[in-house]
Amino acid sequence: MNTPDPTCWAIAGPTASGKTALSLAIAQRWPVEIISVDSALVYRGMDIGTAKPSAHELAQAPHHLIDIRDPLNAYSAADFVLEATALISDIQARGRMPLLVGGTMLYFKALMEGLSDMPTANPEVRADIDARAQAQGWPALHAKLAAIDPTTAQRLAPNDSQRIARALEVFAISGQPLSQWHALTRQHTSPLRPERLIALEPSDRAWLHTRIGQRFETMLDQGLVDEVRGLRARGDLHPDLPSMRCVGYRQCWEMLDGCDDQPQASDLNTLRETGVSATRQLAKRQLTWLRSMPARQVIACDSPDHTTEVLRLVHNRRE
């Protein structure tokens, strides 16, 4: 009978850094179950633009927290912590090793440091904020946020409607800035720190930029535009939903808005530029978050020996 393995490992890194391939290399050698730490992979019907593992890849090891939400429904860091914590216990009880893999650093942070017990959404307050945004524009509301919570405003783009609205909502309800809530730890949440956090970070940023460009081109070849067109055709989705704000989907939606759903070559060229640029910005933010995490073990993902190095680490721990 297998005895429970108390360890839990994590692989974190920016988009296009090779996290999926590395996790499957580990799964081919040891009894692991992979827990996705990705805010986009939770959504069904969003496969191409999220670089979701293929059916063949998913069959190589048990995967969790993939395809668990409709794009109409939000998925929060609190949802992730509750579900991931339960999964970790279940996997360990089966005598297997939980392997957390992904690039949503907020989820990692929430799991390892706990959650702030901030106010829940208030429809009336949110409706008032949306009305003001419609009259004044989101940059104006971003300026108002900067006056009450400069820490939060500094990390948000002036048109990041979802996050600006949430920050203003929290302040309107509680009288406290969102940044202060983030600094508080929810008392009933027990932070969970993986035994080892492997951080895939490129030694040469140009290597990652090349990978990002190549992958976005592959997504276009695989039918990203048609995927987004199908999501639009549902009729119940809109670009302000968290799912549709995912990198790639937002840019594609905006392109289809601007060309009446029939893109020309020039529209697709613009989509390439905006999609790649947004993905590079995402990778930069991911690396910034990652470098603030304690006790991470950096592995150069642009090194040809990085897989061998990680496999050696796992082997030495399990011996």
Protein backbone atom coordinates (compact mmCIF):
# COMPACT_ATOMS: atom_id res chain seq x y z
CA MET A 1 0.00 0.00 0.00
CA ASN A 2 1.30 3.45 -0.94
CA THR A 3 1.96 5.79 1.93
CA PRO A 4 0.93 9.42 1.48
CA ASP A 5 3.67 11.65 0.14
CA PRO A 6 3.67 14.84 2.21
CA THR A 7 5.45 16.88 -0.44
CA CYS A 8 3.88 19.38 -2.79
CA TRP A 9 5.92 21.00 -5.53
CA ALA A 10 5.21 23.96 -7.77
CA ILE A 11 6.35 25.11 -11.19
CA ALA A 12 5.70 28.78 -11.90
CA GLY A 13 6.79 30.92 -14.80
CA PRO A 14 5.73 33.46 -17.40
CA THR A 15 3.67 32.55 -20.41
CA ALA A 16 5.52 30.50 -23.06
CA SER A 17 8.31 29.49 -20.64
CA GLY A 18 7.73 25.74 -21.07
CA LYS A 19 5.78 24.89 -17.92
CA THR A 20 3.54 22.26 -19.54
CA ALA A 21 6.39 20.33 -21.13
CA LEU A 22 8.36 20.32 -17.89
CA SER A 23 5.41 19.14 -15.80
CA LEU A 24 4.75 16.27 -18.22
CA ALA A 25 8.42 15.26 -18.11
CA ILE A 26 8.08 14.94 -14.33
CA ALA A 27 4.79 13.05 -14.67
CA GLN A 28 6.38 10.49 -16.95
CA ARG A 29 8.76 9.47 -14.16
CA TRP A 30 6.88 9.88 -10.88
CA PRO A 31 3.29 9.51 -9.64
CA VAL A 32 2.17 13.12 -9.73
CA GLU A 33 -1.13 14.85 -10.34
CA ILE A 34 -1.04 18.28 -11.90
CA ILE A 35 -3.07 21.16 -10.46
CA SER A 36 -3.39 24.01 -12.94
CA VAL A 37 -2.62 27.46 -11.51
CA ASP A 38 -4.03 29.39 -14.44
CA SER A 39 -6.96 31.80 -14.43
CA ALA A 40 -7.67 31.21 -18.14
CA LEU A 41 -7.47 27.40 -18.31
CA VAL A 42 -10.48 27.12 -16.00
CA TYR A 43 -12.79 28.21 -18.85
CA ARG A 44 -14.46 25.75 -21.20
CA GLY A 45 -14.39 26.54 -24.90
CA MET A 46 -11.28 28.68 -24.60
CA ASP A 47 -8.63 26.30 -25.87
CA ILE A 48 -6.51 27.92 -28.55
CA GLY A 49 -5.92 31.34 -27.00
CA THR A 50 -5.07 29.85 -23.61
CA ALA A 51 -2.59 27.31 -25.04
CA LYS A 52 -4.59 24.69 -23.18
CA PRO A 53 -2.86 21.30 -23.01
CA SER A 54 -4.00 19.02 -25.81
CA ALA A 55 -6.06 15.88 -25.26
CA HIS A 56 -2.86 13.86 -25.69
CA GLU A 57 -1.06 15.92 -23.06
CA LEU A 58 -3.98 15.77 -20.63
CA ALA A 59 -4.01 11.98 -20.98
CA GLN A 60 -0.39 11.67 -19.81
CA ALA A 61 -1.21 12.59 -16.19
CA PRO A 62 -4.23 13.51 -14.09
CA HIS A 63 -4.97 17.23 -14.45
CA HIS A 64 -7.16 19.38 -12.23
CA LEU A 65 -8.82 22.82 -12.43
CA ILE A 66 -9.01 22.82 -16.23
CA ASP A 67 -12.37 23.30 -18.03
CA ILE A 68 -14.31 23.80 -14.80
CA ARG A 69 -16.11 27.08 -15.56
CA ASP A 70 -18.25 28.50 -18.33
CA PRO A 71 -16.77 31.77 -19.67
CA LEU A 72 -19.85 33.58 -18.39
CA ASN A 73 -18.95 32.75 -14.78
CA ALA A 74 -16.11 34.34 -12.85
CA TYR A 75 -13.42 32.37 -11.04
CA SER A 76 -11.58 34.06 -8.18
CA ALA A 77 -8.39 33.56 -6.21
CA ALA A 78 -10.59 32.52 -3.28
CA ASP A 79 -12.22 29.84 -5.45
CA PHE A 80 -8.79 28.61 -6.44
CA VAL A 81 -7.47 28.43 -2.87
CA LEU A 82 -10.46 26.43 -1.66
CA GLU A 83 -10.37 23.96 -4.55
CA ALA A 84 -6.58 23.62 -4.74
CA THR A 85 -6.26 23.05 -0.99
CA ALA A 86 -8.81 20.24 -1.11
CA LEU A 87 -7.13 18.72 -4.16
CA ILE A 88 -3.71 18.77 -2.52
CA SER A 89 -5.03 16.82 0.45
CA ASP A 90 -6.83 14.30 -1.77
CA ILE A 91 -3.79 13.74 -3.99
CA GLN A 92 -1.49 13.27 -1.00
CA ALA A 93 -3.95 10.80 0.52
CA ARG A 94 -3.64 8.76 -2.68
CA GLY A 95 0.12 8.57 -2.15
CA ARG A 96 0.84 10.83 -5.10
CA MET A 97 2.59 14.19 -5.32
CA PRO A 98 0.57 17.34 -6.07
CA LEU A 99 2.34 19.42 -8.70
CA LEU A 100 1.09 23.00 -8.96
CA VAL A 101 1.79 24.36 -12.44
CA GLY A 102 0.92 27.73 -13.92
CA GLY A 103 1.52 31.42 -14.37
CA THR A 104 -1.28 33.13 -12.43
CA MET A 105 0.92 34.53 -9.71
CA LEU A 106 -2.00 35.94 -7.74
CA TYR A 107 -3.23 32.37 -7.22
CA PHE A 108 0.19 31.24 -6.01
CA LYS A 109 0.38 34.24 -3.69
CA ALA A 110 -3.11 33.60 -2.29
CA LEU A 111 -2.31 29.93 -1.68
CA MET A 112 1.04 30.59 -0.02
CA GLU A 113 0.26 33.75 1.93
CA GLY A 114 -3.48 33.55 2.59
CA LEU A 115 -6.37 35.70 1.44
CA SER A 116 -7.58 39.06 2.62
CA ASP A 117 -11.12 39.02 3.98
CA MET A 118 -12.28 41.93 1.82
CA PRO A 119 -15.91 42.94 1.19
CA THR A 120 -18.00 40.98 -1.30
CA ALA A 121 -19.47 42.58 -4.41
CA ASN A 122 -22.31 45.04 -4.02
CA PRO A 123 -24.52 45.37 -7.15
CA GLU A 124 -25.78 48.85 -6.26
CA VAL A 125 -22.30 50.24 -5.67
CA ARG A 126 -21.00 48.61 -8.83
CA ALA A 127 -23.90 50.00 -10.88
CA ASP A 128 -23.09 53.51 -9.64
CA ILE A 129 -19.42 53.07 -10.58
CA ASP A 130 -20.35 51.78 -14.04
CA ALA A 131 -22.67 54.76 -14.57
CA ARG A 132 -19.90 57.18 -13.63
CA ALA A 133 -17.50 55.38 -15.96
CA GLN A 134 -19.94 55.68 -18.81
CA ALA A 135 -20.29 59.42 -18.20
CA GLN A 136 -16.65 60.25 -17.40
CA GLY A 137 -14.57 57.41 -18.86
CA TRP A 138 -12.39 54.86 -17.07
CA PRO A 139 -9.23 57.03 -17.15
CA ALA A 140 -11.11 59.61 -15.05
CA LEU A 141 -12.10 56.94 -12.54
CA HIS A 142 -8.52 55.70 -12.55
CA ALA A 143 -7.45 59.20 -11.54
CA LYS A 144 -9.99 59.16 -8.69
CA LEU A 145 -8.60 55.81 -7.58
CA ALA A 146 -5.07 57.24 -7.59
CA ALA A 147 -6.23 59.86 -5.10
CA ILE A 148 -7.57 57.32 -2.59
CA ASP A 149 -5.36 54.31 -3.28
CA PRO A 150 -2.18 55.25 -5.18
CA THR A 151 -0.63 51.83 -4.57
CA THR A 152 -3.41 50.02 -6.41
CA ALA A 153 -3.77 52.68 -9.11
CA GLN A 154 -0.07 52.47 -9.93
CA ARG A 155 -0.33 48.80 -10.94
CA LEU A 156 -3.51 49.23 -13.02
CA ALA A 157 -3.84 50.54 -16.55
CA PRO A 158 -6.17 53.54 -16.96
CA ASN A 159 -8.63 51.43 -18.97
CA ASP A 160 -8.56 48.32 -16.77
CA SER A 161 -12.28 48.67 -16.07
CA GLN A 162 -12.74 45.44 -14.13
CA ARG A 163 -9.99 46.05 -11.59
CA ILE A 164 -10.56 49.80 -11.27
CA ALA A 165 -14.24 49.16 -10.56
CA ARG A 166 -13.42 46.53 -7.95
CA ALA A 167 -10.93 48.81 -6.18
CA LEU A 168 -13.42 51.68 -6.08
CA GLU A 169 -16.16 49.32 -4.93
CA VAL A 170 -14.09 48.02 -2.02
CA PHE A 171 -13.27 51.57 -0.91
CA ALA A 172 -16.92 52.69 -1.20
CA ILE A 173 -18.12 49.76 0.93
CA SER A 174 -15.40 49.63 3.57
CA GLY A 175 -13.70 53.02 3.56
CA GLN A 176 -10.35 51.20 3.25
CA PRO A 177 -8.16 51.07 0.12
CA LEU A 178 -7.88 47.76 -1.68
CA SER A 179 -4.12 47.78 -1.07
CA GLN A 180 -4.73 47.69 2.68
CA TRP A 181 -7.08 44.73 2.34
CA HIS A 182 -4.43 42.88 0.35
CA ALA A 183 -2.00 43.46 3.21
CA LEU A 184 -4.31 41.72 5.66
CA THR A 185 -4.30 37.95 6.03
CA ARG A 186 -7.54 36.08 6.39
CA GLN A 187 -7.35 34.41 9.78
CA HIS A 188 -9.27 31.28 8.80
CA THR A 189 -7.07 30.60 5.78
CA SER A 190 -4.01 28.45 6.45
CA PRO A 191 -1.30 29.40 3.96
CA LEU A 192 0.25 26.46 2.12
CA ARG A 193 3.83 26.64 0.93
CA PRO A 194 5.05 24.02 -1.54
CA GLU A 195 8.18 22.24 -0.42
CA ARG A 196 9.89 23.59 -3.54
CA LEU A 197 8.85 26.38 -5.90
CA ILE A 198 10.64 26.06 -9.22
CA ALA A 199 10.68 29.38 -11.06
CA LEU A 200 11.21 29.21 -14.81
CA GLU A 201 12.87 32.50 -15.68
CA PRO A 202 14.73 33.29 -18.92
CA SER A 203 18.30 34.50 -18.67
CA ASP A 204 17.73 36.26 -21.99
CA ARG A 205 14.41 38.12 -22.26
CA ALA A 206 14.72 38.08 -26.07
CA TRP A 207 14.38 34.27 -25.99
CA LEU A 208 11.02 34.57 -24.28
CA HIS A 209 9.86 37.32 -26.64
CA THR A 210 10.65 35.09 -29.61
CA ARG A 211 8.69 32.22 -28.06
CA ILE A 212 5.74 34.51 -27.39
CA GLY A 213 5.69 35.69 -30.99
CA GLN A 214 5.92 32.17 -32.36
CA ARG A 215 3.18 30.90 -30.09
CA PHE A 216 0.78 33.71 -30.95
CA GLU A 217 1.35 33.01 -34.64
CA THR A 218 0.58 29.34 -33.99
CA MET A 219 -2.64 30.33 -32.23
CA LEU A 220 -3.71 32.33 -35.26
CA ASP A 221 -2.92 29.39 -37.54
CA GLN A 222 -4.94 27.07 -35.30
CA GLY A 223 -8.02 29.28 -35.51
CA LEU A 224 -7.96 31.78 -32.65
CA VAL A 225 -10.11 34.24 -34.57
CA ASP A 226 -12.75 31.61 -35.26
CA GLU A 227 -12.66 30.56 -31.60
CA VAL A 228 -13.37 34.11 -30.46
CA ARG A 229 -15.97 34.55 -33.21
CA GLY A 230 -17.78 31.50 -31.84
CA LEU A 231 -17.69 32.89 -28.31
CA ARG A 232 -19.14 36.20 -29.55
CA ALA A 233 -21.88 34.34 -31.38
CA ARG A 234 -23.20 32.93 -28.11
CA GLY A 235 -24.75 36.29 -27.40
CA ASP A 236 -24.35 36.17 -23.61
CA LEU A 237 -20.67 37.10 -23.38
CA HIS A 238 -19.18 40.60 -23.45
CA PRO A 239 -15.64 42.02 -23.41
CA ASP A 240 -15.77 43.14 -19.76
CA LEU A 241 -16.07 39.59 -18.44
CA PRO A 242 -12.90 38.23 -16.79
CA SER A 243 -12.79 35.41 -19.33
CA MET A 244 -12.94 37.72 -22.32
CA ARG A 245 -10.30 39.99 -20.82
CA CYS A 246 -7.71 37.22 -21.07
CA VAL A 247 -4.73 38.17 -23.21
CA GLY A 248 -5.38 37.35 -26.83
CA TYR A 249 -9.13 37.13 -26.45
CA ARG A 250 -9.52 40.80 -25.59
CA GLN A 251 -7.41 41.91 -28.56
CA CYS A 252 -9.21 39.55 -30.93
CA TRP A 253 -12.63 40.68 -29.70
CA GLU A 254 -11.69 44.32 -30.24
CA MET A 255 -10.46 43.54 -33.75
CA LEU A 256 -13.71 41.81 -34.65
CA ASP A 257 -15.64 44.79 -33.26
CA GLY A 258 -13.67 47.13 -35.48
CA CYS A 259 -14.02 45.18 -38.71
CA ASP A 260 -17.63 44.02 -38.40
CA ASP A 261 -16.54 40.42 -37.83
CA GLN A 262 -14.79 40.16 -41.20
CA PRO A 263 -11.08 40.90 -40.72
CA GLN A 264 -8.83 41.84 -43.59
CA ALA A 265 -5.09 41.19 -43.83
CA SER A 266 -4.35 44.58 -42.26
CA ASP A 267 -6.65 43.77 -39.33
CA LEU A 268 -4.85 40.50 -38.71
CA ASN A 269 -1.48 42.23 -38.85
CA THR A 270 -2.67 44.68 -36.21
CA LEU A 271 -3.97 41.78 -34.12
CA ARG A 272 -0.52 40.16 -34.27
CA GLU A 273 1.09 43.34 -33.02
CA THR A 274 -1.38 44.03 -30.24
CA GLY A 275 -1.62 40.38 -29.18
CA VAL A 276 2.13 39.87 -28.98
CA SER A 277 2.62 43.21 -27.21
CA ALA A 278 -0.04 42.39 -24.61
CA THR A 279 1.45 38.95 -24.05
CA ARG A 280 4.91 40.43 -23.52
CA GLN A 281 3.46 42.84 -20.97
CA LEU A 282 1.78 39.92 -19.22
CA ALA A 283 5.08 38.03 -19.10
CA LYS A 284 6.80 41.07 -17.62
CA ARG A 285 4.17 41.31 -14.86
CA GLN A 286 4.44 37.57 -14.18
CA LEU A 287 8.21 37.81 -13.77
CA THR A 288 7.85 40.79 -11.43
CA TRP A 289 5.43 38.83 -9.23
CA LEU A 290 7.59 35.74 -9.39
CA ARG A 291 10.72 37.55 -8.24
CA SER A 292 8.91 38.75 -5.13
CA MET A 293 8.12 35.21 -4.03
CA PRO A 294 10.22 33.83 -1.20
CA ALA A 295 12.38 30.73 -1.43
CA ARG A 296 11.94 30.17 -5.14
CA GLN A 297 14.55 28.13 -7.00
CA VAL A 298 15.33 29.78 -10.30
CA ILE A 299 15.83 27.57 -13.33
CA ALA A 300 16.83 29.22 -16.60
CA CYS A 301 14.09 28.09 -18.96
CA ASP A 302 16.19 29.08 -21.98
CA SER A 303 18.91 26.64 -20.95
CA PRO A 304 18.89 23.38 -22.96
CA ASP A 305 19.57 21.48 -19.72
CA HIS A 306 16.76 22.94 -17.63
CA THR A 307 14.55 19.83 -17.81
CA THR A 308 17.40 17.56 -16.74
CA GLU A 309 18.21 19.90 -13.87
CA VAL A 310 14.64 19.87 -12.56
CA LEU A 311 14.34 16.09 -12.93
CA ARG A 312 17.50 15.74 -10.88
CA LEU A 313 16.00 17.90 -8.14
CA VAL A 314 12.86 15.76 -7.98
CA HIS A 315 14.88 12.54 -8.03
CA ASN A 316 17.12 13.65 -5.17
CA ARG A 317 14.12 14.62 -3.04
CA ARG A 318 12.31 11.35 -3.57
CA GLU A 319 15.33 9.13 -2.94
